[in-house]
PDB file of N, CA and C in Angstrom:
ATOM      1  N   MET A   1     -38.642 -50.517  44.158  1.00  0.00           N
ATOM      2  CA  MET A   1     -37.564 -50.256  43.126  1.00  0.00           C
ATOM      3  C   MET A   1     -37.201 -51.158  42.108  1.00  0.00           C
ATOM      4  N   ARG A   2     -36.791 -50.458  40.921  1.00  0.00           N
ATOM      5  CA  ARG A   2     -36.595 -51.189  39.965  1.00  0.00           C
ATOM      6  C   ARG A   2     -35.016 -51.671  39.639  1.00  0.00           C
ATOM      7  N   THR A   3     -34.756 -52.897  39.476  1.00  0.00           N
ATOM      8  CA  THR A   3     -33.153 -53.295  39.247  1.00  0.00           C
ATOM      9  C   THR A   3     -33.114 -52.900  37.534  1.00  0.00           C
ATOM     10  N   MET A   4     -31.850 -52.283  37.489  1.00  0.00           N
ATOM     11  CA  MET A   4     -31.080 -52.055  36.347  1.00  0.00           C
ATOM     12  C   MET A   4     -31.096 -53.434  35.476  1.00  0.00           C
ATOM     13  N   SER A   5     -31.464 -53.087  34.117  1.00  0.00           N
ATOM     14  CA  SER A   5     -31.159 -54.296  33.313  1.00  0.00           C
ATOM     15  C   SER A   5     -29.793 -54.167  32.473  1.00  0.00           C
ATOM     16  N   VAL A   6     -29.316 -55.269  32.093  1.00  0.00           N
ATOM     17  CA  VAL A   6     -28.053 -55.111  31.443  1.00  0.00           C
ATOM     18  C   VAL A   6     -28.262 -56.167  30.131  1.00  0.00           C
ATOM     19  N   THR A   7     -28.051 -55.728  29.149  1.00  0.00           N
ATOM     20  CA  THR A   7     -28.019 -56.817  27.879  1.00  0.00           C
ATOM     21  C   THR A   7     -26.625 -57.360  27.758  1.00  0.00           C
ATOM     22  N   VAL A   8     -26.830 -58.755  27.361  1.00  0.00           N
ATOM     23  CA  VAL A   8     -25.895 -59.527  27.276  1.00  0.00           C
ATOM     24  C   VAL A   8     -26.401 -60.441  26.095  1.00  0.00           C
ATOM     25  N   SER A   9     -25.627 -60.814  25.491  1.00  0.00           N
ATOM     26  CA  SER A   9     -25.574 -61.650  24.257  1.00  0.00           C
ATOM     27  C   SER A   9     -25.204 -63.178  24.489  1.00  0.00           C
ATOM     28  N   ILE A  10     -26.310 -64.056  24.580  1.00  0.00           N
ATOM     29  CA  ILE A  10     -25.833 -65.540  24.762  1.00  0.00           C
ATOM     30  C   ILE A  10     -26.537 -66.718  23.610  1.00  0.00           C
ATOM     31  N   LYS A  11     -25.806 -67.661  23.451  1.00  0.00           N
ATOM     32  CA  LYS A  11     -26.657 -68.662  22.664  1.00  0.00           C
ATOM     33  C   LYS A  11     -27.356 -69.523  23.782  1.00  0.00           C
ATOM     34  N   VAL A  12     -28.210 -70.061  23.530  1.00  0.00           N
ATOM     35  CA  VAL A  12     -28.971 -70.872  24.124  1.00  0.00           C
ATOM     36  C   VAL A  12     -29.799 -72.023  23.159  1.00  0.00           C
ATOM     37  N   LYS A  13     -30.224 -73.158  23.746  1.00  0.00           N
ATOM     38  CA  LYS A  13     -30.980 -74.290  23.036  1.00  0.00           C
ATOM     39  C   LYS A  13     -32.120 -73.687  22.230  1.00  0.00           C
ATOM     40  N   LYS A  14     -32.338 -74.164  21.052  1.00  0.00           N
ATOM     41  CA  LYS A  14     -33.457 -73.856  20.550  1.00  0.00           C
ATOM     42  C   LYS A  14     -34.678 -73.875  21.199  1.00  0.00           C
ATOM     43  N   GLU A  15     -34.630 -75.164  21.993  1.00  0.00           N
ATOM     44  CA  GLU A  15     -35.873 -75.542  22.646  1.00  0.00           C
ATOM     45  C   GLU A  15     -36.267 -74.832  23.861  1.00  0.00           C
ATOM     46  N   VAL A  16     -35.238 -73.866  24.270  1.00  0.00           N
ATOM     47  CA  VAL A  16     -35.450 -72.772  25.311  1.00  0.00           C
ATOM     48  C   VAL A  16     -36.108 -71.528  24.689  1.00  0.00           C
ATOM     49  N   VAL A  17     -35.659 -71.300  23.428  1.00  0.00           N
ATOM     50  CA  VAL A  17     -36.468 -70.119  22.809  1.00  0.00           C
ATOM     51  C   VAL A  17     -37.746 -70.615  22.514  1.00  0.00           C
ATOM     52  N   GLU A  18     -38.003 -71.679  21.958  1.00  0.00           N
ATOM     53  CA  GLU A  18     -39.501 -72.214  21.771  1.00  0.00           C
ATOM     54  C   GLU A  18     -40.252 -72.106  22.873  1.00  0.00           C
ATOM     55  N   LEU A  19     -39.556 -72.677  24.163  1.00  0.00           N
ATOM     56  CA  LEU A  19     -40.243 -72.455  25.259  1.00  0.00           C
ATOM     57  C   LEU A  19     -40.660 -70.989  25.703  1.00  0.00           C
ATOM     58  N   ALA A  20     -39.589 -70.108  25.774  1.00  0.00           N
ATOM     59  CA  ALA A  20     -39.790 -68.914  25.771  1.00  0.00           C
ATOM     60  C   ALA A  20     -40.906 -67.970  24.998  1.00  0.00           C
ATOM     61  N   GLU A  21     -41.088 -68.520  23.916  1.00  0.00           N
ATOM     62  CA  GLU A  21     -42.131 -68.160  22.875  1.00  0.00           C
ATOM     63  C   GLU A  21     -43.370 -68.552  23.172  1.00  0.00           C
ATOM     64  N   LYS A  22     -43.500 -69.966  23.897  1.00  0.00           N
ATOM     65  CA  LYS A  22     -44.730 -70.312  24.214  1.00  0.00           C
ATOM     66  C   LYS A  22     -45.275 -69.470  25.537  1.00  0.00           C
ATOM     67  N   MET A  23     -44.383 -69.182  26.424  1.00  0.00           N
ATOM     68  CA  MET A  23     -44.706 -68.399  27.435  1.00  0.00           C
ATOM     69  C   MET A  23     -45.188 -66.979  27.085  1.00  0.00           C
ATOM     70  N   VAL A  24     -44.669 -66.618  26.018  1.00  0.00           N
ATOM     71  CA  VAL A  24     -45.376 -65.247  25.581  1.00  0.00           C
ATOM     72  C   VAL A  24     -46.694 -65.378  25.146  1.00  0.00           C
ATOM     73  N   LEU A  25     -46.812 -66.434  24.324  1.00  0.00           N
ATOM     74  CA  LEU A  25     -47.908 -66.628  23.679  1.00  0.00           C
ATOM     75  C   LEU A  25     -49.134 -67.170  24.455  1.00  0.00           C
ATOM     76  N   TYR A  26     -48.774 -67.687  25.721  1.00  0.00           N
ATOM     77  CA  TYR A  26     -49.735 -68.015  26.672  1.00  0.00           C
ATOM     78  C   TYR A  26     -49.897 -66.879  27.437  1.00  0.00           C
ATOM     79  N   GLY A  27     -49.143 -65.637  27.464  1.00  0.00           N
ATOM     80  CA  GLY A  27     -49.384 -64.804  28.414  1.00  0.00           C
ATOM     81  C   GLY A  27     -48.403 -64.907  29.791  1.00  0.00           C
ATOM     82  N   LEU A  28     -47.901 -65.894  29.877  1.00  0.00           N
ATOM     83  CA  LEU A  28     -47.111 -66.038  30.839  1.00  0.00           C
ATOM     84  C   LEU A  28     -45.942 -65.117  31.367  1.00  0.00           C
ATOM     85  N   ALA A  29     -45.449 -64.441  29.856  1.00  0.00           N
ATOM     86  CA  ALA A  29     -44.408 -63.469  30.048  1.00  0.00           C
ATOM     87  C   ALA A  29     -44.510 -62.625  29.142  1.00  0.00           C
ATOM     88  N   LYS A  30     -44.017 -61.217  29.433  1.00  0.00           N
ATOM     89  CA  LYS A  30     -44.221 -60.022  28.453  1.00  0.00           C
ATOM     90  C   LYS A  30     -43.548 -60.186  26.967  1.00  0.00           C
ATOM     91  N   SER A  31     -42.552 -60.766  27.183  1.00  0.00           N
ATOM     92  CA  SER A  31     -41.384 -60.953  26.010  1.00  0.00           C
ATOM     93  C   SER A  31     -40.523 -62.132  26.173  1.00  0.00           C
ATOM     94  N   ARG A  32     -39.997 -62.549  24.993  1.00  0.00           N
ATOM     95  CA  ARG A  32     -39.034 -63.504  25.287  1.00  0.00           C
ATOM     96  C   ARG A  32     -38.071 -63.220  26.407  1.00  0.00           C
ATOM     97  N   SER A  33     -37.444 -62.169  26.151  1.00  0.00           N
ATOM     98  CA  SER A  33     -36.575 -61.584  27.522  1.00  0.00           C
ATOM     99  C   SER A  33     -37.150 -62.102  28.718  1.00  0.00           C
ATOM    100  N   HIS A  34     -38.238 -61.568  28.870  1.00  0.00           N
ATOM    101  CA  HIS A  34     -39.297 -61.515  30.120  1.00  0.00           C
ATOM    102  C   HIS A  34     -39.117 -63.017  30.586  1.00  0.00           C
ATOM    103  N   ALA A  35     -39.515 -63.731  29.640  1.00  0.00           N
ATOM    104  CA  ALA A  35     -39.529 -65.405  29.707  1.00  0.00           C
ATOM    105  C   ALA A  35     -38.392 -65.717  30.061  1.00  0.00           C
ATOM    106  N   LEU A  36     -37.125 -65.739  29.755  1.00  0.00           N
ATOM    107  CA  LEU A  36     -35.953 -66.014  29.728  1.00  0.00           C
ATOM    108  C   LEU A  36     -35.451 -65.432  31.357  1.00  0.00           C
ATOM    109  N   ASN A  37     -35.656 -64.344  31.666  1.00  0.00           N
ATOM    110  CA  ASN A  37     -35.430 -63.674  33.150  1.00  0.00           C
ATOM    111  C   ASN A  37     -36.191 -64.761  33.875  1.00  0.00           C
ATOM    112  N   LEU A  38     -37.492 -65.004  33.488  1.00  0.00           N
ATOM    113  CA  LEU A  38     -38.111 -65.906  34.586  1.00  0.00           C
ATOM    114  C   LEU A  38     -37.684 -67.209  34.654  1.00  0.00           C
ATOM    115  N   MET A  39     -37.232 -67.871  33.679  1.00  0.00           N
ATOM    116  CA  MET A  39     -36.635 -69.366  33.955  1.00  0.00           C
ATOM    117  C   MET A  39     -35.451 -69.314  34.680  1.00  0.00           C
ATOM    118  N   ILE A  40     -34.638 -68.036  34.333  1.00  0.00           N
ATOM    119  CA  ILE A  40     -33.492 -68.068  35.152  1.00  0.00           C
ATOM    120  C   ILE A  40     -33.878 -67.714  36.561  1.00  0.00           C
ATOM    121  N   GLU A  41     -34.584 -67.038  37.054  1.00  0.00           N
ATOM    122  CA  GLU A  41     -34.989 -66.597  38.335  1.00  0.00           C
ATOM    123  C   GLU A  41     -35.491 -67.965  38.994  1.00  0.00           C
ATOM    124  N   LYS A  42     -36.086 -68.868  38.432  1.00  0.00           N
ATOM    125  CA  LYS A  42     -36.787 -69.832  38.881  1.00  0.00           C
ATOM    126  C   LYS A  42     -35.749 -70.982  39.268  1.00  0.00           C
ATOM    127  N   GLY A  43     -34.796 -70.841  38.477  1.00  0.00           N
ATOM    128  CA  GLY A  43     -33.350 -71.683  39.039  1.00  0.00           C
ATOM    129  C   GLY A  43     -32.375 -71.140  39.682  1.00  0.00           C
ATOM    130  N   LEU A  44     -32.645 -69.633  39.831  1.00  0.00           N
ATOM    131  CA  LEU A  44     -31.420 -69.403  40.692  1.00  0.00           C
ATOM    132  C   LEU A  44     -31.219 -69.497  42.122  1.00  0.00           C
ATOM    133  N   GLY A  45     -32.506 -69.909  42.805  1.00  0.00           N
ATOM    134  CA  GLY A  45     -32.381 -70.263  44.167  1.00  0.00           C
ATOM    135  C   GLY A  45     -31.680 -71.443  44.589  1.00  0.00           C
ATOM    136  N   GLU A  46     -31.698 -72.571  43.561  1.00  0.00           N
ATOM    137  CA  GLU A  46     -31.146 -73.782  43.794  1.00  0.00           C
ATOM    138  C   GLU A  46     -29.419 -73.306  43.659  1.00  0.00           C
ATOM    139  N   VAL A  47     -29.151 -72.666  42.443  1.00  0.00           N
ATOM    140  CA  VAL A  47     -27.951 -72.399  42.303  1.00  0.00           C
ATOM    141  C   VAL A  47     -27.035 -71.519  43.470  1.00  0.00           C
ATOM    142  N   ARG A  48     -28.109 -70.523  44.082  1.00  0.00           N
ATOM    143  CA  ARG A  48     -27.403 -69.782  45.138  1.00  0.00           C
ATOM    144  C   ARG A  48     -27.284 -70.750  46.143  1.00  0.00           C
ATOM    145  N   GLU A  49     -27.851 -71.885  46.459  1.00  0.00           N
ATOM    146  CA  GLU A  49     -27.750 -72.601  47.571  1.00  0.00           C
ATOM    147  C   GLU A  49     -26.711 -73.170  47.386  1.00  0.00           C
ATOM    148  N   GLU A  50     -26.428 -73.916  46.185  1.00  0.00           N
ATOM    149  CA  GLU A  50     -25.125 -74.808  46.032  1.00  0.00           C
ATOM    150  C   GLU A  50     -23.995 -73.812  45.988  1.00  0.00           C
ATOM    151  N   VAL A  51     -23.939 -72.583  45.583  1.00  0.00           N
ATOM    152  CA  VAL A  51     -22.939 -71.703  45.586  1.00  0.00           C
ATOM    153  C   VAL A  51     -22.578 -71.367  47.124  1.00  0.00           C
ATOM    154  N   ALA A  52     -23.289 -71.133  47.680  1.00  0.00           N
ATOM    155  CA  ALA A  52     -23.470 -70.934  49.299  1.00  0.00           C
ATOM    156  C   ALA A  52     -22.823 -72.114  50.083  1.00  0.00           C
ATOM    157  N   PHE A  53     -23.083 -73.493  49.544  1.00  0.00           N
ATOM    158  CA  PHE A  53     -22.312 -74.563  50.344  1.00  0.00           C
ATOM    159  C   PHE A  53     -21.041 -74.585  49.987  1.00  0.00           C
ATOM    160  N   TRP A  54     -20.427 -74.383  48.702  1.00  0.00           N
ATOM    161  CA  TRP A  54     -19.270 -74.448  48.247  1.00  0.00           C
ATOM    162  C   TRP A  54     -18.418 -73.175  48.938  1.00  0.00           C
ATOM    163  N   ASP A  55     -19.050 -71.827  49.263  1.00  0.00           N
ATOM    164  CA  ASP A  55     -18.538 -71.036  49.835  1.00  0.00           C
ATOM    165  C   ASP A  55     -18.201 -71.411  51.374  1.00  0.00           C
ATOM    166  N   ARG A  56     -19.051 -71.932  52.008  1.00  0.00           N
ATOM    167  CA  ARG A  56     -18.644 -72.579  53.445  1.00  0.00           C
ATOM    168  C   ARG A  56     -17.733 -73.721  53.402  1.00  0.00           C
ATOM    169  N   VAL A  57     -17.666 -74.601  52.428  1.00  0.00           N
ATOM    170  CA  VAL A  57     -16.603 -75.340  52.281  1.00  0.00           C
ATOM    171  C   VAL A  57     -15.221 -75.069  52.423  1.00  0.00           C
ATOM    172  N   TYR A  58     -15.290 -73.850  51.140  1.00  0.00           N
ATOM    173  CA  TYR A  58     -14.000 -73.187  50.935  1.00  0.00           C
ATOM    174  C   TYR A  58     -13.726 -72.345  52.080  1.00  0.00           C
ATOM    175  N   ARG A  59     -14.322 -71.762  52.899  1.00  0.00           N
ATOM    176  CA  ARG A  59     -14.166 -71.047  54.008  1.00  0.00           C
ATOM    177  C   ARG A  59     -13.408 -72.116  54.859  1.00  0.00           C
ATOM    178  N   LYS A  60     -14.044 -73.179  55.085  1.00  0.00           N
ATOM    179  CA  LYS A  60     -13.638 -74.197  56.120  1.00  0.00           C
ATOM    180  C   LYS A  60     -12.163 -74.730  55.986  1.00  0.00           C
ATOM    181  N   VAL A  61     -12.001 -75.067  54.282  1.00  0.00           N
ATOM    182  CA  VAL A  61     -10.586 -75.657  54.129  1.00  0.00           C
ATOM    183  C   VAL A  61      -9.780 -74.525  54.464  1.00  0.00           C
ATOM    184  N   GLU A  62      -9.858 -73.476  53.814  1.00  0.00           N
ATOM    185  CA  GLU A  62      -8.991 -72.360  54.048  1.00  0.00           C
ATOM    186  C   GLU A  62      -8.278 -72.057  55.624  1.00  0.00           C
ATOM    187  N   GLU A  63      -9.781 -72.216  56.598  1.00  0.00           N
ATOM    188  CA  GLU A  63      -9.315 -72.033  57.802  1.00  0.00           C
ATOM    189  C   GLU A  63      -8.431 -73.412  58.492  1.00  0.00           C
ATOM    190  N   LEU A  64      -8.556 -74.463  57.800  1.00  0.00           N
ATOM    191  CA  LEU A  64      -7.876 -75.502  57.999  1.00  0.00           C
ATOM    192  C   LEU A  64      -6.412 -75.619  57.742  1.00  0.00           C
ATOM    193  N   ARG A  65      -6.526 -75.225  56.502  1.00  0.00           N
ATOM    194  CA  ARG A  65      -5.228 -75.060  55.773  1.00  0.00           C
ATOM    195  C   ARG A  65      -4.226 -73.771  56.774  1.00  0.00           C
ATOM    196  N   LYS A  66      -4.725 -72.663  57.270  1.00  0.00           N
ATOM    197  CA  LYS A  66      -4.065 -71.821  58.062  1.00  0.00           C
ATOM    198  C   LYS A  66      -3.898 -72.379  59.368  1.00  0.00           C
ATOM    199  N   ARG A  67      -4.278 -73.391  59.794  1.00  0.00           N
ATOM    200  CA  ARG A  67      -3.906 -73.919  60.835  1.00  0.00           C
ATOM    201  C   ARG A  67      -2.742 -75.173  60.791  1.00  0.00           C
ATOM    202  N   GLY A  68      -2.522 -75.184  59.481  1.00  0.00           N
ATOM    203  CA  GLY A  68      -1.389 -76.389  59.228  1.00  0.00           C
ATOM    204  C   GLY A  68      -1.947 -77.687  58.835  1.00  0.00           C
ATOM    205  N   PHE A  69      -3.253 -77.791  58.596  1.00  0.00           N
ATOM    206  CA  PHE A  69      -3.518 -79.210  58.223  1.00  0.00           C
ATOM    207  C   PHE A  69      -3.300 -79.184  56.637  1.00  0.00           C
ATOM    208  N   THR A  70      -3.058 -80.277  56.032  1.00  0.00           N
ATOM    209  CA  THR A  70      -2.764 -80.456  54.564  1.00  0.00           C
ATOM    210  C   THR A  70      -4.171 -81.549  54.168  1.00  0.00           C
ATOM    211  N   LEU A  71      -4.516 -81.120  53.017  1.00  0.00           N
ATOM    212  CA  LEU A  71      -5.052 -82.076  52.427  1.00  0.00           C
ATOM    213  C   LEU A  71      -4.725 -82.810  51.218  1.00  0.00           C
ATOM    214  N   SER A  72      -4.820 -84.296  51.403  1.00  0.00           N
ATOM    215  CA  SER A  72      -4.045 -85.026  50.552  1.00  0.00           C
ATOM    216  C   SER A  72      -4.844 -86.086  49.828  1.00  0.00           C
ATOM    217  N   HIS A  73      -6.487 -86.064  49.797  1.00  0.00           N
ATOM    218  CA  HIS A  73      -6.939 -86.950  49.011  1.00  0.00           C
ATOM    219  C   HIS A  73      -8.266 -86.609  48.901  1.00  0.00           C
ATOM    220  N   GLY A  74      -9.120 -87.172  48.017  1.00  0.00           N
ATOM    221  CA  GLY A  74     -10.490 -86.722  48.011  1.00  0.00           C
ATOM    222  C   GLY A  74     -10.623 -85.786  46.868  1.00  0.00           C
ATOM    223  N   GLY A  75      -9.780 -85.114  46.022  1.00  0.00           N
ATOM    224  CA  GLY A  75      -9.672 -84.217  45.087  1.00  0.00           C
ATOM    225  C   GLY A  75     -10.153 -82.750  45.385  1.00  0.00           C
ATOM    226  N   LEU A  76     -10.386 -82.613  46.645  1.00  0.00           N
ATOM    227  CA  LEU A  76     -10.764 -81.358  47.141  1.00  0.00           C
ATOM    228  C   LEU A  76      -9.613 -80.387  47.042  1.00  0.00           C
ATOM    229  N   ASN A  77      -8.493 -80.608  47.164  1.00  0.00           N
ATOM    230  CA  ASN A  77      -6.996 -79.807  46.996  1.00  0.00           C
ATOM    231  C   ASN A  77      -7.071 -79.369  45.477  1.00  0.00           C
ATOM    232  N   LYS A  78      -7.343 -80.363  44.635  1.00  0.00           N
ATOM    233  CA  LYS A  78      -7.422 -80.004  43.132  1.00  0.00           C
ATOM    234  C   LYS A  78      -8.436 -78.992  42.666  1.00  0.00           C
ATOM    235  N   LEU A  79      -9.415 -79.351  43.304  1.00  0.00           N
ATOM    236  CA  LEU A  79     -10.737 -78.323  43.194  1.00  0.00           C
ATOM    237  C   LEU A  79     -10.690 -77.142  43.512  1.00  0.00           C
ATOM    238  N   LEU A  80      -9.827 -76.964  44.717  1.00  0.00           N
ATOM    239  CA  LEU A  80      -9.805 -75.378  45.290  1.00  0.00           C
ATOM    240  C   LEU A  80      -8.522 -74.764  44.324  1.00  0.00           C
ATOM    241  N   GLU A  81      -7.599 -75.461  43.910  1.00  0.00           N
ATOM    242  CA  GLU A  81      -6.464 -74.842  42.843  1.00  0.00           C
ATOM    243  C   GLU A  81      -7.015 -74.675  41.659  1.00  0.00           C
ATOM    244  N   GLU A  82      -8.201 -75.311  41.024  1.00  0.00           N
ATOM    245  CA  GLU A  82      -8.734 -74.659  39.967  1.00  0.00           C
ATOM    246  C   GLU A  82      -9.583 -73.598  40.100  1.00  0.00           C
ATOM    247  N   VAL A  83     -10.389 -73.379  41.255  1.00  0.00           N
ATOM    248  CA  VAL A  83     -11.238 -72.296  41.687  1.00  0.00           C
ATOM    249  C   VAL A  83     -10.119 -70.837  41.792  1.00  0.00           C
ATOM    250  N   ARG A  84      -9.057 -71.433  42.449  1.00  0.00           N
ATOM    251  CA  ARG A  84      -8.132 -70.175  42.554  1.00  0.00           C
ATOM    252  C   ARG A  84      -7.400 -69.772  41.230  1.00  0.00           C
ATOM    253  N   GLY A  85      -7.459 -70.733  40.010  1.00  0.00           N
ATOM    254  CA  GLY A  85      -6.834 -70.374  39.028  1.00  0.00           C
ATOM    255  C   GLY A  85      -7.812 -69.304  38.024  1.00  0.00           C
ATOM    256  N   ARG A  86      -9.103 -69.233  38.394  1.00  0.00           N
ATOM    257  CA  ARG A  86      -9.992 -68.802  37.488  1.00  0.00           C
ATOM    258  C   ARG A  86     -10.011 -67.335  37.800  1.00  0.00           C
TER     259      ARG A  86
END
């Protein structure tokens, strides 16, 4: 099954583009776009794990809030307010 591609325009550091170009030069990627996708995918697992962790934290905090607990220190309350504001 082939995944649909979507074109986006982003700015990246020059060194990232140079790395992508070397990946193409050495046959590690078919194109700069392919190289950038490979870079993203290799780092995606770590990002997914971090987001999953915060999803669990958020759900637990909401569970506690529904039970009447209040958060008063540690900055988690502020963090959750910022997340809700997005």
